[in-house]
Amino acid sequence: MIAKVIAVILCSVGTFFFIIGTTGLLRLPDVFTRLHSSTKCDTMGAGSILIGLAVYSGVSWDVLKLLIVLGFLFISSATTGHAIGRSAVKQGIAPWRKEDGEGQ
């Protein structure tokens, strides 16, 4: 019973991070801030959900598979974020700056 409650909490936290990441992806102004939102929140969201699923499934081979997927997720998300950011810098895309008087 406790494991199911912990699994539901972790999956809920993961869903929350996915929603925050998606909102940031839609609302933030440039590629760098969107990249930060998508990589951080998606890593935390998917990580929390995968850990929640591992807790829910108990001691089995499925936990090992979920942990392997989690490891690939951590590696690929950071690598992808770095590659996209580096590509944006090489293309000369400037970070967004708030101009004076904007938003007043």
N, C-alpha and C. Protein backbone atom coordinates (compact mmCIF):
# COMPACT_ATOMS: atom_id res chain seq x y z
N MET A 1 0.83 -1.20 0.00
CA MET A 1 0.00 0.00 0.00
C MET A 1 0.87 1.26 0.00
N ILE A 2 1.91 1.28 0.82
CA ILE A 2 2.80 2.44 0.89
C ILE A 2 3.52 2.64 -0.44
N ALA A 3 3.93 1.53 -1.07
CA ALA A 3 4.63 1.62 -2.35
C ALA A 3 3.74 2.25 -3.41
N LYS A 4 2.46 1.91 -3.41
CA LYS A 4 1.54 2.48 -4.39
C LYS A 4 1.36 3.98 -4.16
N VAL A 5 1.29 4.39 -2.91
CA VAL A 5 1.15 5.82 -2.61
C VAL A 5 2.39 6.58 -3.05
N ILE A 6 3.57 6.03 -2.77
CA ILE A 6 4.82 6.66 -3.19
C ILE A 6 4.90 6.73 -4.71
N ALA A 7 4.48 5.65 -5.38
CA ALA A 7 4.49 5.63 -6.84
C ALA A 7 3.55 6.69 -7.42
N VAL A 8 2.39 6.84 -6.84
CA VAL A 8 1.44 7.86 -7.31
C VAL A 8 2.00 9.26 -7.09
N ILE A 9 2.64 9.49 -5.96
CA ILE A 9 3.23 10.80 -5.68
C ILE A 9 4.34 11.10 -6.68
N LEU A 10 5.23 10.14 -6.91
CA LEU A 10 6.32 10.35 -7.87
C LEU A 10 5.80 10.59 -9.28
N CYS A 11 4.80 9.83 -9.70
CA CYS A 11 4.24 10.03 -11.04
C CYS A 11 3.52 11.37 -11.14
N SER A 12 2.89 11.81 -10.06
CA SER A 12 2.25 13.13 -10.05
C SER A 12 3.28 14.24 -10.14
N VAL A 13 4.38 14.10 -9.41
CA VAL A 13 5.46 15.08 -9.48
C VAL A 13 6.03 15.13 -10.90
N GLY A 14 6.20 13.97 -11.51
CA GLY A 14 6.68 13.91 -12.89
C GLY A 14 5.74 14.58 -13.86
N THR A 15 4.45 14.36 -13.69
CA THR A 15 3.46 15.02 -14.54
C THR A 15 3.50 16.52 -14.36
N PHE A 16 3.66 16.98 -13.12
CA PHE A 16 3.78 18.41 -12.85
C PHE A 16 4.97 19.00 -13.59
N PHE A 17 6.13 18.33 -13.54
CA PHE A 17 7.30 18.84 -14.24
C PHE A 17 7.10 18.86 -15.75
N PHE A 18 6.41 17.87 -16.30
CA PHE A 18 6.11 17.86 -17.72
C PHE A 18 5.22 19.05 -18.10
N ILE A 19 4.24 19.34 -17.27
CA ILE A 19 3.35 20.48 -17.54
C ILE A 19 4.14 21.80 -17.48
N ILE A 20 4.99 21.95 -16.48
CA ILE A 20 5.81 23.16 -16.35
C ILE A 20 6.76 23.28 -17.56
N GLY A 21 7.37 22.19 -17.97
CA GLY A 21 8.28 22.22 -19.11
C GLY A 21 7.56 22.58 -20.40
N THR A 22 6.38 22.04 -20.59
CA THR A 22 5.60 22.35 -21.78
C THR A 22 5.17 23.81 -21.78
N THR A 23 4.76 24.30 -20.64
CA THR A 23 4.38 25.71 -20.53
C THR A 23 5.58 26.61 -20.84
N GLY A 24 6.74 26.27 -20.30
CA GLY A 24 7.95 27.04 -20.59
C GLY A 24 8.32 26.99 -22.06
N LEU A 25 8.14 25.85 -22.67
CA LEU A 25 8.46 25.70 -24.09
C LEU A 25 7.56 26.59 -24.94
N LEU A 26 6.32 26.75 -24.53
CA LEU A 26 5.39 27.59 -25.28
C LEU A 26 5.52 29.07 -24.97
N ARG A 27 5.88 29.42 -23.75
CA ARG A 27 5.83 30.81 -23.31
C ARG A 27 7.16 31.56 -23.34
N LEU A 28 8.27 30.87 -23.25
CA LEU A 28 9.56 31.56 -23.14
C LEU A 28 10.00 32.13 -24.49
N PRO A 29 10.81 33.20 -24.48
CA PRO A 29 11.03 33.99 -25.69
C PRO A 29 12.09 33.48 -26.68
N ASP A 30 13.10 32.77 -26.26
CA ASP A 30 14.15 32.40 -27.22
C ASP A 30 14.57 30.94 -27.06
N VAL A 31 15.46 30.52 -27.94
CA VAL A 31 15.85 29.12 -27.99
C VAL A 31 16.57 28.68 -26.71
N PHE A 32 17.32 29.57 -26.10
CA PHE A 32 18.11 29.19 -24.93
C PHE A 32 17.22 28.97 -23.69
N THR A 33 16.28 29.85 -23.48
CA THR A 33 15.38 29.66 -22.34
C THR A 33 14.43 28.50 -22.57
N ARG A 34 13.99 28.32 -23.79
CA ARG A 34 13.14 27.16 -24.11
C ARG A 34 13.91 25.86 -23.94
N LEU A 35 15.17 25.90 -24.33
CA LEU A 35 16.02 24.72 -24.18
C LEU A 35 16.21 24.36 -22.72
N HIS A 36 16.42 25.36 -21.90
CA HIS A 36 16.57 25.12 -20.47
C HIS A 36 15.29 24.51 -19.90
N SER A 37 14.17 25.08 -20.26
CA SER A 37 12.90 24.58 -19.75
C SER A 37 12.65 23.14 -20.19
N SER A 38 12.87 22.87 -21.46
CA SER A 38 12.56 21.53 -21.96
C SER A 38 13.50 20.46 -21.42
N THR A 39 14.80 20.75 -21.34
CA THR A 39 15.71 19.71 -20.89
C THR A 39 15.61 19.45 -19.39
N LYS A 40 15.52 20.51 -18.60
CA LYS A 40 15.46 20.31 -17.15
C LYS A 40 14.14 19.69 -16.72
N CYS A 41 13.06 20.26 -17.19
CA CYS A 41 11.75 19.76 -16.74
C CYS A 41 11.43 18.38 -17.31
N ASP A 42 11.82 18.12 -18.55
CA ASP A 42 11.54 16.80 -19.09
C ASP A 42 12.39 15.73 -18.43
N THR A 43 13.63 16.06 -18.08
CA THR A 43 14.47 15.09 -17.37
C THR A 43 13.89 14.79 -16.00
N MET A 44 13.50 15.83 -15.28
CA MET A 44 12.90 15.63 -13.95
C MET A 44 11.56 14.93 -14.06
N GLY A 45 10.76 15.30 -15.05
CA GLY A 45 9.44 14.68 -15.22
C GLY A 45 9.54 13.20 -15.55
N ALA A 46 10.31 12.89 -16.58
CA ALA A 46 10.45 11.49 -16.97
C ALA A 46 11.18 10.69 -15.89
N GLY A 47 12.17 11.31 -15.25
CA GLY A 47 12.88 10.62 -14.17
C GLY A 47 11.96 10.28 -13.01
N SER A 48 11.13 11.23 -12.61
CA SER A 48 10.20 10.96 -11.51
C SER A 48 9.18 9.88 -11.88
N ILE A 49 8.69 9.94 -13.11
CA ILE A 49 7.72 8.93 -13.53
C ILE A 49 8.37 7.55 -13.61
N LEU A 50 9.58 7.47 -14.14
CA LEU A 50 10.25 6.17 -14.23
C LEU A 50 10.57 5.61 -12.84
N ILE A 51 10.98 6.46 -11.92
CA ILE A 51 11.23 5.99 -10.56
C ILE A 51 9.92 5.56 -9.90
N GLY A 52 8.84 6.30 -10.15
CA GLY A 52 7.53 5.91 -9.64
C GLY A 52 7.09 4.56 -10.18
N LEU A 53 7.34 4.32 -11.46
CA LEU A 53 7.00 3.02 -12.05
C LEU A 53 7.86 1.90 -11.47
N ALA A 54 9.13 2.23 -11.19
CA ALA A 54 10.01 1.22 -10.58
C ALA A 54 9.53 0.87 -9.18
N VAL A 55 9.11 1.86 -8.41
CA VAL A 55 8.58 1.60 -7.07
C VAL A 55 7.29 0.78 -7.16
N TYR A 56 6.45 1.11 -8.12
CA TYR A 56 5.17 0.41 -8.28
C TYR A 56 5.37 -1.05 -8.67
N SER A 57 6.35 -1.33 -9.54
CA SER A 57 6.51 -2.71 -10.00
C SER A 57 7.24 -3.60 -9.00
N GLY A 58 7.84 -3.02 -7.96
CA GLY A 58 8.47 -3.84 -6.93
C GLY A 58 9.78 -4.43 -7.40
N VAL A 59 10.18 -5.50 -6.77
CA VAL A 59 11.45 -6.15 -7.10
C VAL A 59 11.21 -7.09 -8.27
N SER A 60 11.69 -6.68 -9.45
CA SER A 60 11.56 -7.52 -10.65
C SER A 60 12.58 -7.05 -11.68
N TRP A 61 12.61 -7.75 -12.80
CA TRP A 61 13.51 -7.36 -13.88
C TRP A 61 13.05 -6.06 -14.53
N ASP A 62 11.80 -5.72 -14.37
CA ASP A 62 11.30 -4.47 -14.94
C ASP A 62 12.00 -3.26 -14.33
N VAL A 63 12.37 -3.35 -13.06
CA VAL A 63 13.06 -2.24 -12.39
C VAL A 63 14.41 -2.00 -13.06
N LEU A 64 15.11 -3.06 -13.37
CA LEU A 64 16.41 -2.92 -14.06
C LEU A 64 16.23 -2.24 -15.41
N LYS A 65 15.21 -2.64 -16.15
CA LYS A 65 14.94 -2.04 -17.45
C LYS A 65 14.60 -0.56 -17.31
N LEU A 66 13.80 -0.23 -16.30
CA LEU A 66 13.44 1.17 -16.08
C LEU A 66 14.66 2.01 -15.69
N LEU A 67 15.55 1.44 -14.90
CA LEU A 67 16.76 2.17 -14.52
C LEU A 67 17.70 2.37 -15.70
N ILE A 68 17.75 1.39 -16.60
CA ILE A 68 18.56 1.55 -17.82
C ILE A 68 17.99 2.66 -18.69
N VAL A 69 16.67 2.68 -18.84
CA VAL A 69 16.02 3.76 -19.60
C VAL A 69 16.29 5.11 -18.94
N LEU A 70 16.25 5.16 -17.62
CA LEU A 70 16.53 6.39 -16.89
C LEU A 70 17.96 6.87 -17.13
N GLY A 71 18.91 5.95 -17.14
CA GLY A 71 20.30 6.31 -17.43
C GLY A 71 20.46 6.88 -18.83
N PHE A 72 19.84 6.23 -19.83
CA PHE A 72 19.88 6.75 -21.19
C PHE A 72 19.21 8.12 -21.29
N LEU A 73 18.14 8.31 -20.54
CA LEU A 73 17.45 9.59 -20.54
C LEU A 73 18.35 10.70 -20.01
N PHE A 74 19.02 10.46 -18.89
CA PHE A 74 19.90 11.47 -18.33
C PHE A 74 21.04 11.82 -19.28
N ILE A 75 21.61 10.83 -19.92
CA ILE A 75 22.72 11.07 -20.85
C ILE A 75 22.24 11.79 -22.11
N SER A 76 21.15 11.31 -22.70
CA SER A 76 20.70 11.88 -23.97
C SER A 76 20.10 13.27 -23.81
N SER A 77 19.44 13.54 -22.72
CA SER A 77 18.85 14.87 -22.54
C SER A 77 19.93 15.93 -22.40
N ALA A 78 20.93 15.67 -21.61
CA ALA A 78 22.02 16.64 -21.45
C ALA A 78 22.80 16.81 -22.75
N THR A 79 23.06 15.73 -23.44
CA THR A 79 23.81 15.79 -24.69
C THR A 79 23.02 16.53 -25.76
N THR A 80 21.74 16.26 -25.86
CA THR A 80 20.90 16.93 -26.84
C THR A 80 20.79 18.42 -26.55
N GLY A 81 20.59 18.78 -25.29
CA GLY A 81 20.52 20.18 -24.92
C GLY A 81 21.80 20.93 -25.25
N HIS A 82 22.94 20.29 -24.97
CA HIS A 82 24.22 20.91 -25.28
C HIS A 82 24.39 21.08 -26.79
N ALA A 83 24.03 20.08 -27.56
CA ALA A 83 24.20 20.15 -29.02
C ALA A 83 23.30 21.23 -29.63
N ILE A 84 22.08 21.34 -29.16
CA ILE A 84 21.17 22.36 -29.69
C ILE A 84 21.67 23.75 -29.30
N GLY A 85 22.08 23.93 -28.06
CA GLY A 85 22.60 25.22 -27.61
C GLY A 85 23.85 25.62 -28.37
N ARG A 86 24.74 24.68 -28.57
CA ARG A 86 25.97 24.98 -29.30
C ARG A 86 25.67 25.33 -30.76
N SER A 87 24.72 24.63 -31.35
CA SER A 87 24.32 24.94 -32.72
C SER A 87 23.72 26.33 -32.82
N ALA A 88 22.92 26.72 -31.85
CA ALA A 88 22.33 28.06 -31.85
C ALA A 88 23.41 29.12 -31.72
N VAL A 89 24.42 28.89 -30.89
CA VAL A 89 25.51 29.86 -30.73
C VAL A 89 26.31 29.96 -32.03
N LYS A 90 26.58 28.82 -32.68
CA LYS A 90 27.35 28.83 -33.92
C LYS A 90 26.60 29.55 -35.04
N GLN A 91 25.28 29.50 -35.01
CA GLN A 91 24.48 30.18 -36.03
C GLN A 91 24.31 31.66 -35.72
N GLY A 92 24.82 32.11 -34.59
CA GLY A 92 24.77 33.52 -34.26
C GLY A 92 23.47 33.98 -33.63
N ILE A 93 22.71 33.06 -33.10
CA ILE A 93 21.46 33.44 -32.45
C ILE A 93 21.79 34.06 -31.09
N ALA A 94 21.34 35.28 -30.91
CA ALA A 94 21.65 36.00 -29.68
C ALA A 94 20.60 35.68 -28.61
N PRO A 95 21.01 35.63 -27.37
CA PRO A 95 20.04 35.42 -26.30
C PRO A 95 19.08 36.61 -26.21
N TRP A 96 17.88 36.33 -25.78
CA TRP A 96 16.86 37.36 -25.63
C TRP A 96 17.24 38.29 -24.50
N ARG A 97 17.03 39.57 -24.72
CA ARG A 97 17.26 40.58 -23.67
C ARG A 97 16.04 41.47 -23.61
N LYS A 98 15.64 41.77 -22.40
CA LYS A 98 14.51 42.66 -22.21
C LYS A 98 14.95 44.09 -22.53
N GLU A 99 14.24 44.71 -23.45
CA GLU A 99 14.56 46.08 -23.84
C GLU A 99 13.94 47.06 -22.85
N ASP A 100 14.53 48.22 -22.73
CA ASP A 100 14.01 49.24 -21.81
C ASP A 100 12.61 49.65 -22.24
N GLY A 101 11.72 49.74 -21.26
CA GLY A 101 10.36 50.17 -21.51
C GLY A 101 9.43 49.05 -21.91
N GLU A 102 9.96 47.88 -22.20
CA GLU A 102 9.10 46.77 -22.61
C GLU A 102 8.39 46.20 -21.40
N GLY A 103 7.13 45.94 -21.55
CA GLY A 103 6.36 45.33 -20.49
C GLY A 103 5.88 46.31 -19.44
N GLN A 104 5.98 47.60 -19.73
CA GLN A 104 5.51 48.59 -18.75
C GLN A 104 4.22 49.21 -19.23
